[in-house]
Amino acid sequence: MTPTDTDKVPPQDTDKVPLQDTDEVPPQDTDEVPPQDKGGREVEQDPLILATRDHGDTLLVLAAEAIVEGLRDGRPTPPDLATQPGPLRAKGAAFVTLTKGGQLRGCIGSVGANRPLALDVAANAWAAATRDPRFPRLTLEELPELALSVSVLTTPVPMTFSDQADLLSQIRPGVDGLILSDTGYRGLFLPQVWESLPSAPAFLAHLKQKAGLPLDHWSDALRMERFEARSVKAERWPLPLGPSDDKP
C-alpha cells in the first residue's frame, strides 16, 4: 500500500491541500561563497535544509503532539508560532507518514507551501491519524507501535518531455518525487517510494496506477511535476507515553 498528499492528492498516497503566511530566514552576511548542491542552490541557506537539519526533532514533536492532543481532547491546538524557530515559521509544505510494523498506517501532506511549516506539519499529522480514507482512525493504544516521519517538500517544478522515453530519461531515481496529472486523474509519489520501486519505469507505471490510470497509459495530455523532499524519522514514538496517553 502506498501513502497520500494534500489538495486531495496523495505520499506515497492520500489527498488534501492547506494554507497561510510568515517570515523567511534572513540572509546572512559573509564573504565566503556558500556551498551549493548539484542544482546550484546555496545548501546552507536552503530553508528545507535549515528546517530538517537544524530542527528535525522539533518537526517530529510537533507532529506527535498534534496527534496525542487530538486523540485525547478531540482536536489539537495549533502550535504557537511565536515559540517556533524561523525556518518553521516560514511557509512550507510537508507530508506526515505513520507506519506500524513497517506497514503504512496513514499519510497525508501538502503539495504547496501555503502556510507556516509548523502549522502544516501539525495539521497534516492530525489528518494522517484521523482522515486518511484508506485506514480507520488511529487510537491512543497504537502509539507505542508507531514510527513517524515528516518530509518537507520543495516547490514542484513542471517537466518538459516529448514522449515517455524522454520523460523516463529525465527522472532521477532516489531523488525525485513526482506529481502526475492527466484529464482529471492525479497521483503523487514521495521520493521514499523509490525504496520499494527502485527503477524509473516501475516508479512511473505504479504512479499511473495510483492516479487511477492503466500501467501502460500514455497521452499527450499527461503532465508531470517533480519535487524533492528532506525527511526526518522517529522509529519509536517521539513523546513519552504516560498512563493518560496509552489508555482510553
C-alpha atoms as a PDB file:
ATOM      1  CA  MET A   1       0.000   0.000   0.000  1.00  0.00           C
ATOM      2  CA  THR A   2       1.260   3.447  -0.800  1.00  0.00           C
ATOM      3  CA  PRO A   3       0.993   6.820   1.156  1.00  0.00           C
ATOM      4  CA  THR A   4      -1.033  10.251   0.406  1.00  0.00           C
ATOM      5  CA  ASP A   5      -0.919  14.005  -0.214  1.00  0.00           C
ATOM      6  CA  THR A   6      -2.995  17.069   0.140  1.00  0.00           C
ATOM      7  CA  ASP A   7      -5.120  19.021  -2.186  1.00  0.00           C
ATOM      8  CA  LYS A   8      -6.685  15.751  -2.094  1.00  0.00           C
ATOM      9  CA  VAL A   9      -3.849  14.148  -3.766  1.00  0.00           C
ATOM     10  CA  PRO A  10      -1.969  11.528  -2.211  1.00  0.00           C
ATOM     11  CA  PRO A  11       2.962  10.086  -0.062  1.00  0.00           C
ATOM     12  CA  GLN A  12       3.064   7.722  -1.138  1.00  0.00           C
ATOM     13  CA  ASP A  13      -0.634   8.176  -1.033  1.00  0.00           C
ATOM     14  CA  THR A  14      -3.547  10.310   0.264  1.00  0.00           C
ATOM     15  CA  ASP A  15      -5.297  13.507  -0.599  1.00  0.00           C
ATOM     16  CA  LYS A  16      -5.717  17.144   0.702  1.00  0.00           C
ATOM     17  CA  VAL A  17      -4.262  20.726   0.488  1.00  0.00           C
ATOM     18  CA  PRO A  18      -3.537  23.517   3.049  1.00  0.00           C
ATOM     19  CA  LEU A  19      -2.809  27.418   3.612  1.00  0.00           C
ATOM     20  CA  GLN A  20      -1.069  30.638   5.305  1.00  0.00           C
ATOM     21  CA  ASP A  21       1.855  33.038   5.892  1.00  0.00           C
ATOM     22  CA  THR A  22       5.090  34.020   7.631  1.00  0.00           C
ATOM     23  CA  ASP A  23       8.591  35.452   7.696  1.00  0.00           C
ATOM     24  CA  GLU A  24      11.586  33.964   5.942  1.00  0.00           C
ATOM     25  CA  VAL A  25      15.022  33.202   7.276  1.00  0.00           C
ATOM     26  CA  PRO A  26      17.006  36.445   6.806  1.00  0.00           C
ATOM     27  CA  PRO A  27      20.072  36.331   4.559  1.00  0.00           C
ATOM     28  CA  GLN A  28      23.373  36.252   6.389  1.00  0.00           C
ATOM     29  CA  ASP A  29      26.369  38.393   5.595  1.00  0.00           C
ATOM     30  CA  THR A  30      29.505  36.544   4.613  1.00  0.00           C
ATOM     31  CA  ASP A  31      32.462  36.940   2.334  1.00  0.00           C
ATOM     32  CA  GLU A  32      32.580  33.243   1.608  1.00  0.00           C
ATOM     33  CA  VAL A  33      30.805  31.538  -1.253  1.00  0.00           C
ATOM     34  CA  PRO A  34      28.075  29.336   0.283  1.00  0.00           C
ATOM     35  CA  PRO A  35      28.243  25.601  -0.525  1.00  0.00           C
ATOM     36  CA  GLN A  36      25.911  24.515  -3.294  1.00  0.00           C
ATOM     37  CA  ASP A  37      24.156  21.311  -4.253  1.00  0.00           C
ATOM     38  CA  LYS A  38      24.163  19.821  -7.745  1.00  0.00           C
ATOM     39  CA  GLY A  39      21.366  22.142  -8.778  1.00  0.00           C
ATOM     40  CA  GLY A  40      23.351  25.206  -7.794  1.00  0.00           C
ATOM     41  CA  ARG A  41      21.257  26.050  -4.740  1.00  0.00           C
ATOM     42  CA  GLU A  42      23.028  27.504  -1.713  1.00  0.00           C
ATOM     43  CA  VAL A  43      22.718  24.497   0.506  1.00  0.00           C
ATOM     44  CA  GLU A  44      23.386  26.046   3.899  1.00  0.00           C
ATOM     45  CA  GLN A  45      20.726  28.718   3.331  1.00  0.00           C
ATOM     46  CA  ASP A  46      18.123  26.384   1.843  1.00  0.00           C
ATOM     47  CA  PRO A  47      15.051  26.650   4.123  1.00  0.00           C
ATOM     48  CA  LEU A  48      14.406  22.942   3.592  1.00  0.00           C
ATOM     49  CA  ILE A  49      17.814  22.056   4.979  1.00  0.00           C
ATOM     50  CA  LEU A  50      17.594  24.560   7.805  1.00  0.00           C
ATOM     51  CA  ALA A  51      14.252  23.070   8.860  1.00  0.00           C
ATOM     52  CA  THR A  52      15.124  19.372   8.663  1.00  0.00           C
ATOM     53  CA  ARG A  53      18.802  19.527   9.608  1.00  0.00           C
ATOM     54  CA  ASP A  54      18.569  22.011  12.461  1.00  0.00           C
ATOM     55  CA  HIS A  55      15.010  21.441  13.668  1.00  0.00           C
ATOM     56  CA  GLY A  56      14.184  17.845  12.745  1.00  0.00           C
ATOM     57  CA  ASP A  57      13.398  16.813  16.316  1.00  0.00           C
ATOM     58  CA  THR A  58      11.063  19.793  16.656  1.00  0.00           C
ATOM     59  CA  LEU A  59       9.186  18.771  13.491  1.00  0.00           C
ATOM     60  CA  LEU A  60       8.675  15.250  14.860  1.00  0.00           C
ATOM     61  CA  VAL A  61       7.496  16.538  18.238  1.00  0.00           C
ATOM     62  CA  LEU A  62       5.054  18.971  16.592  1.00  0.00           C
ATOM     63  CA  ALA A  63       3.541  16.086  14.637  1.00  0.00           C
ATOM     64  CA  ALA A  64       3.379  13.766  17.653  1.00  0.00           C
ATOM     65  CA  GLU A  65       1.893  16.429  19.936  1.00  0.00           C
ATOM     66  CA  ALA A  66      -0.856  17.214  17.441  1.00  0.00           C
ATOM     67  CA  ILE A  67      -1.833  13.539  17.249  1.00  0.00           C
ATOM     68  CA  VAL A  68      -1.751  12.901  21.012  1.00  0.00           C
ATOM     69  CA  GLU A  69      -3.642  16.077  21.890  1.00  0.00           C
ATOM     70  CA  GLY A  70      -6.216  15.486  19.168  1.00  0.00           C
ATOM     71  CA  LEU A  71      -6.885  11.891  20.170  1.00  0.00           C
ATOM     72  CA  ARG A  72      -7.082  12.809  23.852  1.00  0.00           C
ATOM     73  CA  ASP A  73      -9.024  16.086  23.651  1.00  0.00           C
ATOM     74  CA  GLY A  74     -10.967  15.831  20.394  1.00  0.00           C
ATOM     75  CA  ARG A  75      -8.824  18.156  18.314  1.00  0.00           C
ATOM     76  CA  PRO A  76      -5.280  19.556  18.530  1.00  0.00           C
ATOM     77  CA  THR A  77      -4.403  23.161  19.343  1.00  0.00           C
ATOM     78  CA  PRO A  78      -2.316  24.775  16.539  1.00  0.00           C
ATOM     79  CA  PRO A  79       1.321  25.372  17.523  1.00  0.00           C
ATOM     80  CA  ASP A  80       2.226  28.821  18.867  1.00  0.00           C
ATOM     81  CA  LEU A  81       4.290  30.321  16.033  1.00  0.00           C
ATOM     82  CA  ALA A  82       5.915  32.835  18.382  1.00  0.00           C
ATOM     83  CA  THR A  83       7.787  29.967  20.056  1.00  0.00           C
ATOM     84  CA  GLN A  84       8.974  28.344  16.799  1.00  0.00           C
ATOM     85  CA  PRO A  85      12.345  28.905  15.097  1.00  0.00           C
ATOM     86  CA  GLY A  86      12.414  30.987  11.907  1.00  0.00           C
ATOM     87  CA  PRO A  87      12.508  28.098   9.389  1.00  0.00           C
ATOM     88  CA  LEU A  88       9.365  26.613  10.948  1.00  0.00           C
ATOM     89  CA  ARG A  89       7.532  29.946  10.841  1.00  0.00           C
ATOM     90  CA  ALA A  90       8.245  30.274   7.121  1.00  0.00           C
ATOM     91  CA  LYS A  91       5.728  28.876   4.641  1.00  0.00           C
ATOM     92  CA  GLY A  92       6.368  25.225   3.888  1.00  0.00           C
ATOM     93  CA  ALA A  93       4.786  22.040   2.572  1.00  0.00           C
ATOM     94  CA  ALA A  94       5.151  18.733   4.376  1.00  0.00           C
ATOM     95  CA  PHE A  95       3.892  15.165   4.419  1.00  0.00           C
ATOM     96  CA  VAL A  96       3.469  13.216   7.654  1.00  0.00           C
ATOM     97  CA  THR A  97       3.715   9.431   7.407  1.00  0.00           C
ATOM     98  CA  LEU A  98       2.746   6.921  10.086  1.00  0.00           C
ATOM     99  CA  THR A  99       3.848   3.284   9.908  1.00  0.00           C
ATOM    100  CA  LYS A 100       3.083   0.309  12.135  1.00  0.00           C
ATOM    101  CA  GLY A 101       5.161  -2.826  11.938  1.00  0.00           C
ATOM    102  CA  GLY A 102       6.744  -1.499   8.753  1.00  0.00           C
ATOM    103  CA  GLN A 103       3.347  -1.058   7.082  1.00  0.00           C
ATOM    104  CA  LEU A 104       1.720   2.233   6.193  1.00  0.00           C
ATOM    105  CA  ARG A 105      -0.816   3.389   8.803  1.00  0.00           C
ATOM    106  CA  GLY A 106      -1.556   6.867   7.489  1.00  0.00           C
ATOM    107  CA  CYS A 107      -0.012   9.511   5.268  1.00  0.00           C
ATOM    108  CA  ILE A 108      -1.280  12.946   4.310  1.00  0.00           C
ATOM    109  CA  GLY A 109       0.502  16.115   3.263  1.00  0.00           C
ATOM    110  CA  SER A 110       0.578  19.345   1.329  1.00  0.00           C
ATOM    111  CA  VAL A 111       1.964  19.945  -2.146  1.00  0.00           C
ATOM    112  CA  GLY A 112       2.032  23.744  -1.921  1.00  0.00           C
ATOM    113  CA  ALA A 113       3.705  25.930   0.701  1.00  0.00           C
ATOM    114  CA  ASN A 114       0.628  27.898   1.723  1.00  0.00           C
ATOM    115  CA  ARG A 115       1.037  28.215   5.494  1.00  0.00           C
ATOM    116  CA  PRO A 116       3.812  28.211   8.109  1.00  0.00           C
ATOM    117  CA  LEU A 117       5.647  24.895   8.159  1.00  0.00           C
ATOM    118  CA  ALA A 118       4.939  24.288  11.858  1.00  0.00           C
ATOM    119  CA  LEU A 119       1.185  24.639  11.241  1.00  0.00           C
ATOM    120  CA  ASP A 120       1.355  22.479   8.135  1.00  0.00           C
ATOM    121  CA  VAL A 121       3.127  19.651   9.960  1.00  0.00           C
ATOM    122  CA  ALA A 122       0.693  19.701  12.883  1.00  0.00           C
ATOM    123  CA  ALA A 123      -2.383  19.812  10.638  1.00  0.00           C
ATOM    124  CA  ASN A 124      -1.171  17.024   8.364  1.00  0.00           C
ATOM    125  CA  ALA A 125      -0.154  14.851  11.321  1.00  0.00           C
ATOM    126  CA  TRP A 126      -3.685  15.062  12.709  1.00  0.00           C
ATOM    127  CA  ALA A 127      -5.130  14.380   9.265  1.00  0.00           C
ATOM    128  CA  ALA A 128      -2.847  11.359   8.741  1.00  0.00           C
ATOM    129  CA  ALA A 129      -4.014   9.953  12.067  1.00  0.00           C
ATOM    130  CA  THR A 130      -7.728  10.501  11.514  1.00  0.00           C
ATOM    131  CA  ARG A 131      -8.633  11.278   7.903  1.00  0.00           C
ATOM    132  CA  ASP A 132      -6.624   9.020   5.618  1.00  0.00           C
ATOM    133  CA  PRO A 133      -9.504   7.255   3.834  1.00  0.00           C
ATOM    134  CA  ARG A 134      -7.519   4.036   3.498  1.00  0.00           C
ATOM    135  CA  PHE A 135      -7.340   3.425   7.248  1.00  0.00           C
ATOM    136  CA  PRO A 136      -9.519   3.549  10.367  1.00  0.00           C
ATOM    137  CA  ARG A 137      -8.949   6.395  12.789  1.00  0.00           C
ATOM    138  CA  LEU A 138      -5.802   5.961  14.878  1.00  0.00           C
ATOM    139  CA  THR A 139      -6.167   5.107  18.578  1.00  0.00           C
ATOM    140  CA  LEU A 140      -4.051   6.100  21.577  1.00  0.00           C
ATOM    141  CA  GLU A 141      -3.307   2.424  22.205  1.00  0.00           C
ATOM    142  CA  GLU A 142      -1.458   2.185  18.882  1.00  0.00           C
ATOM    143  CA  LEU A 143       1.020   4.999  19.546  1.00  0.00           C
ATOM    144  CA  PRO A 144       3.756   2.854  21.166  1.00  0.00           C
ATOM    145  CA  GLU A 145       3.833   0.720  17.999  1.00  0.00           C
ATOM    146  CA  LEU A 146       4.128   3.594  15.525  1.00  0.00           C
ATOM    147  CA  ALA A 147       7.039   5.101  13.642  1.00  0.00           C
ATOM    148  CA  LEU A 148       6.637   8.694  12.483  1.00  0.00           C
ATOM    149  CA  SER A 149       8.288  10.631   9.665  1.00  0.00           C
ATOM    150  CA  VAL A 150       7.995  14.190   8.383  1.00  0.00           C
ATOM    151  CA  SER A 151       9.008  15.042   4.814  1.00  0.00           C
ATOM    152  CA  VAL A 152       9.450  18.702   3.839  1.00  0.00           C
ATOM    153  CA  LEU A 153       8.934  19.350   0.107  1.00  0.00           C
ATOM    154  CA  THR A 154      10.478  21.726  -2.376  1.00  0.00           C
ATOM    155  CA  THR A 155       8.195  23.638  -4.749  1.00  0.00           C
ATOM    156  CA  PRO A 156       7.055  21.319  -7.578  1.00  0.00           C
ATOM    157  CA  VAL A 157       8.567  22.169 -10.989  1.00  0.00           C
ATOM    158  CA  PRO A 158       6.851  21.241 -14.292  1.00  0.00           C
ATOM    159  CA  MET A 159       8.808  18.844 -16.508  1.00  0.00           C
ATOM    160  CA  THR A 160       9.083  19.163 -20.295  1.00  0.00           C
ATOM    161  CA  PHE A 161       9.243  15.961 -22.365  1.00  0.00           C
ATOM    162  CA  SER A 162       8.322  14.739 -25.845  1.00  0.00           C
ATOM    163  CA  ASP A 163       7.296  11.155 -25.046  1.00  0.00           C
ATOM    164  CA  GLN A 164       7.503   8.526 -22.329  1.00  0.00           C
ATOM    165  CA  ALA A 165      11.092   7.582 -23.166  1.00  0.00           C
ATOM    166  CA  ASP A 166      12.135  11.219 -22.847  1.00  0.00           C
ATOM    167  CA  LEU A 167      10.316  11.514 -19.520  1.00  0.00           C
ATOM    168  CA  LEU A 168      11.947   8.356 -18.159  1.00  0.00           C
ATOM    169  CA  SER A 169      15.395   9.641 -19.159  1.00  0.00           C
ATOM    170  CA  GLN A 170      14.866  12.760 -17.034  1.00  0.00           C
ATOM    171  CA  ILE A 171      13.530  11.105 -13.875  1.00  0.00           C
ATOM    172  CA  ARG A 172      16.169  10.818 -11.122  1.00  0.00           C
ATOM    173  CA  PRO A 173      15.739   7.594  -9.128  1.00  0.00           C
ATOM    174  CA  GLY A 174      16.079   8.103  -5.397  1.00  0.00           C
ATOM    175  CA  VAL A 175      15.774  11.887  -5.742  1.00  0.00           C
ATOM    176  CA  ASP A 176      12.565  12.929  -7.450  1.00  0.00           C
ATOM    177  CA  GLY A 177       9.082  12.948  -6.062  1.00  0.00           C
ATOM    178  CA  LEU A 178       6.548  13.105  -8.895  1.00  0.00           C
ATOM    179  CA  ILE A 179       3.057  14.520  -9.388  1.00  0.00           C
ATOM    180  CA  LEU A 180       1.203  13.138 -12.410  1.00  0.00           C
ATOM    181  CA  SER A 181      -1.959  14.692 -13.820  1.00  0.00           C
ATOM    182  CA  ASP A 182      -3.961  13.782 -16.910  1.00  0.00           C
ATOM    183  CA  THR A 183      -7.508  14.893 -17.747  1.00  0.00           C
ATOM    184  CA  GLY A 184      -8.828  14.777 -14.195  1.00  0.00           C
ATOM    185  CA  TYR A 185      -6.602  11.973 -12.928  1.00  0.00           C
ATOM    186  CA  ARG A 186      -3.894  12.820 -10.423  1.00  0.00           C
ATOM    187  CA  GLY A 187      -1.335  10.947  -8.349  1.00  0.00           C
ATOM    188  CA  LEU A 188       1.702  11.730  -6.220  1.00  0.00           C
ATOM    189  CA  PHE A 189       4.687   9.698  -5.043  1.00  0.00           C
ATOM    190  CA  LEU A 190       7.129  10.951  -2.428  1.00  0.00           C
ATOM    191  CA  PRO A 191      10.830  10.244  -3.065  1.00  0.00           C
ATOM    192  CA  GLN A 192      10.827   7.498  -0.419  1.00  0.00           C
ATOM    193  CA  VAL A 193       8.660   5.355  -2.709  1.00  0.00           C
ATOM    194  CA  TRP A 194      11.918   4.667  -4.611  1.00  0.00           C
ATOM    195  CA  GLU A 195      12.791   2.331  -1.720  1.00  0.00           C
ATOM    196  CA  SER A 196      10.129  -0.113  -2.920  1.00  0.00           C
ATOM    197  CA  LEU A 197      10.129   0.828  -6.639  1.00  0.00           C
ATOM    198  CA  PRO A 198      13.806   1.442  -7.481  1.00  0.00           C
ATOM    199  CA  SER A 199      13.549   1.634 -11.283  1.00  0.00           C
ATOM    200  CA  ALA A 200      12.160   4.624 -13.187  1.00  0.00           C
ATOM    201  CA  PRO A 201       9.819   2.521 -15.401  1.00  0.00           C
ATOM    202  CA  ALA A 202       8.297   0.759 -12.381  1.00  0.00           C
ATOM    203  CA  PHE A 203       8.025   4.030 -10.445  1.00  0.00           C
ATOM    204  CA  LEU A 204       6.207   5.722 -13.330  1.00  0.00           C
ATOM    205  CA  ALA A 205       3.921   2.754 -14.022  1.00  0.00           C
ATOM    206  CA  HIS A 206       2.778   2.496 -10.422  1.00  0.00           C
ATOM    207  CA  LEU A 207       2.309   6.257 -10.214  1.00  0.00           C
ATOM    208  CA  LYS A 208      -0.087   5.988 -13.156  1.00  0.00           C
ATOM    209  CA  GLN A 209      -1.898   3.187 -11.360  1.00  0.00           C
ATOM    210  CA  LYS A 210      -2.145   5.267  -8.210  1.00  0.00           C
ATOM    211  CA  ALA A 211      -3.688   8.073 -10.249  1.00  0.00           C
ATOM    212  CA  GLY A 212      -6.331   5.634 -11.487  1.00  0.00           C
ATOM    213  CA  LEU A 213      -4.800   5.061 -14.923  1.00  0.00           C
ATOM    214  CA  PRO A 214      -3.604   1.827 -16.586  1.00  0.00           C
ATOM    215  CA  LEU A 215       0.042   0.880 -16.002  1.00  0.00           C
ATOM    216  CA  ASP A 216       0.813   1.357 -19.717  1.00  0.00           C
ATOM    217  CA  HIS A 217      -1.195   4.579 -20.116  1.00  0.00           C
ATOM    218  CA  TRP A 218       0.199   7.406 -22.222  1.00  0.00           C
ATOM    219  CA  SER A 219      -1.398  10.502 -23.717  1.00  0.00           C
ATOM    220  CA  ASP A 220      -0.382  13.932 -24.972  1.00  0.00           C
ATOM    221  CA  ALA A 221      -2.397  15.415 -22.099  1.00  0.00           C
ATOM    222  CA  LEU A 222      -0.183  13.837 -19.436  1.00  0.00           C
ATOM    223  CA  ARG A 223       1.642  16.375 -17.276  1.00  0.00           C
ATOM    224  CA  MET A 224       4.383  15.769 -14.738  1.00  0.00           C
ATOM    225  CA  GLU A 225       5.882  17.877 -11.955  1.00  0.00           C
ATOM    226  CA  ARG A 226       8.848  16.945  -9.841  1.00  0.00           C
ATOM    227  CA  PHE A 227       9.989  17.950  -6.381  1.00  0.00           C
ATOM    228  CA  GLU A 228      12.494  16.898  -3.763  1.00  0.00           C
ATOM    229  CA  ALA A 229      11.942  16.146  -0.107  1.00  0.00           C
ATOM    230  CA  ARG A 230      14.055  16.016   3.002  1.00  0.00           C
ATOM    231  CA  SER A 231      12.803  13.715   5.717  1.00  0.00           C
ATOM    232  CA  VAL A 232      13.279  13.147   9.429  1.00  0.00           C
ATOM    233  CA  LYS A 233      12.054   9.968  11.096  1.00  0.00           C
ATOM    234  CA  ALA A 234      11.440   8.613  14.570  1.00  0.00           C
ATOM    235  CA  GLU A 235      11.498   4.807  14.621  1.00  0.00           C
ATOM    236  CA  ARG A 236       9.811   4.968  18.029  1.00  0.00           C
ATOM    237  CA  TRP A 237       7.090   7.354  19.148  1.00  0.00           C
ATOM    238  CA  PRO A 238       8.965  10.626  19.906  1.00  0.00           C
ATOM    239  CA  LEU A 239       6.987  11.558  23.038  1.00  0.00           C
ATOM    240  CA  PRO A 240       6.823   9.816  26.419  1.00  0.00           C
ATOM    241  CA  LEU A 241       3.573   7.914  26.836  1.00  0.00           C
ATOM    242  CA  GLY A 242       2.052   8.167  30.302  1.00  0.00           C
ATOM    243  CA  PRO A 243      -0.999   6.371  31.633  1.00  0.00           C
ATOM    244  CA  SER A 244      -3.320   9.009  30.148  1.00  0.00           C
ATOM    245  CA  ASP A 245      -1.791   8.571  26.696  1.00  0.00           C
ATOM    246  CA  ASP A 246      -1.763   4.826  26.216  1.00  0.00           C
ATOM    247  CA  LYS A 247      -5.120   4.106  27.842  1.00  0.00           C
ATOM    248  CA  PRO A 248      -8.604   5.321  26.894  1.00  0.00           C
END
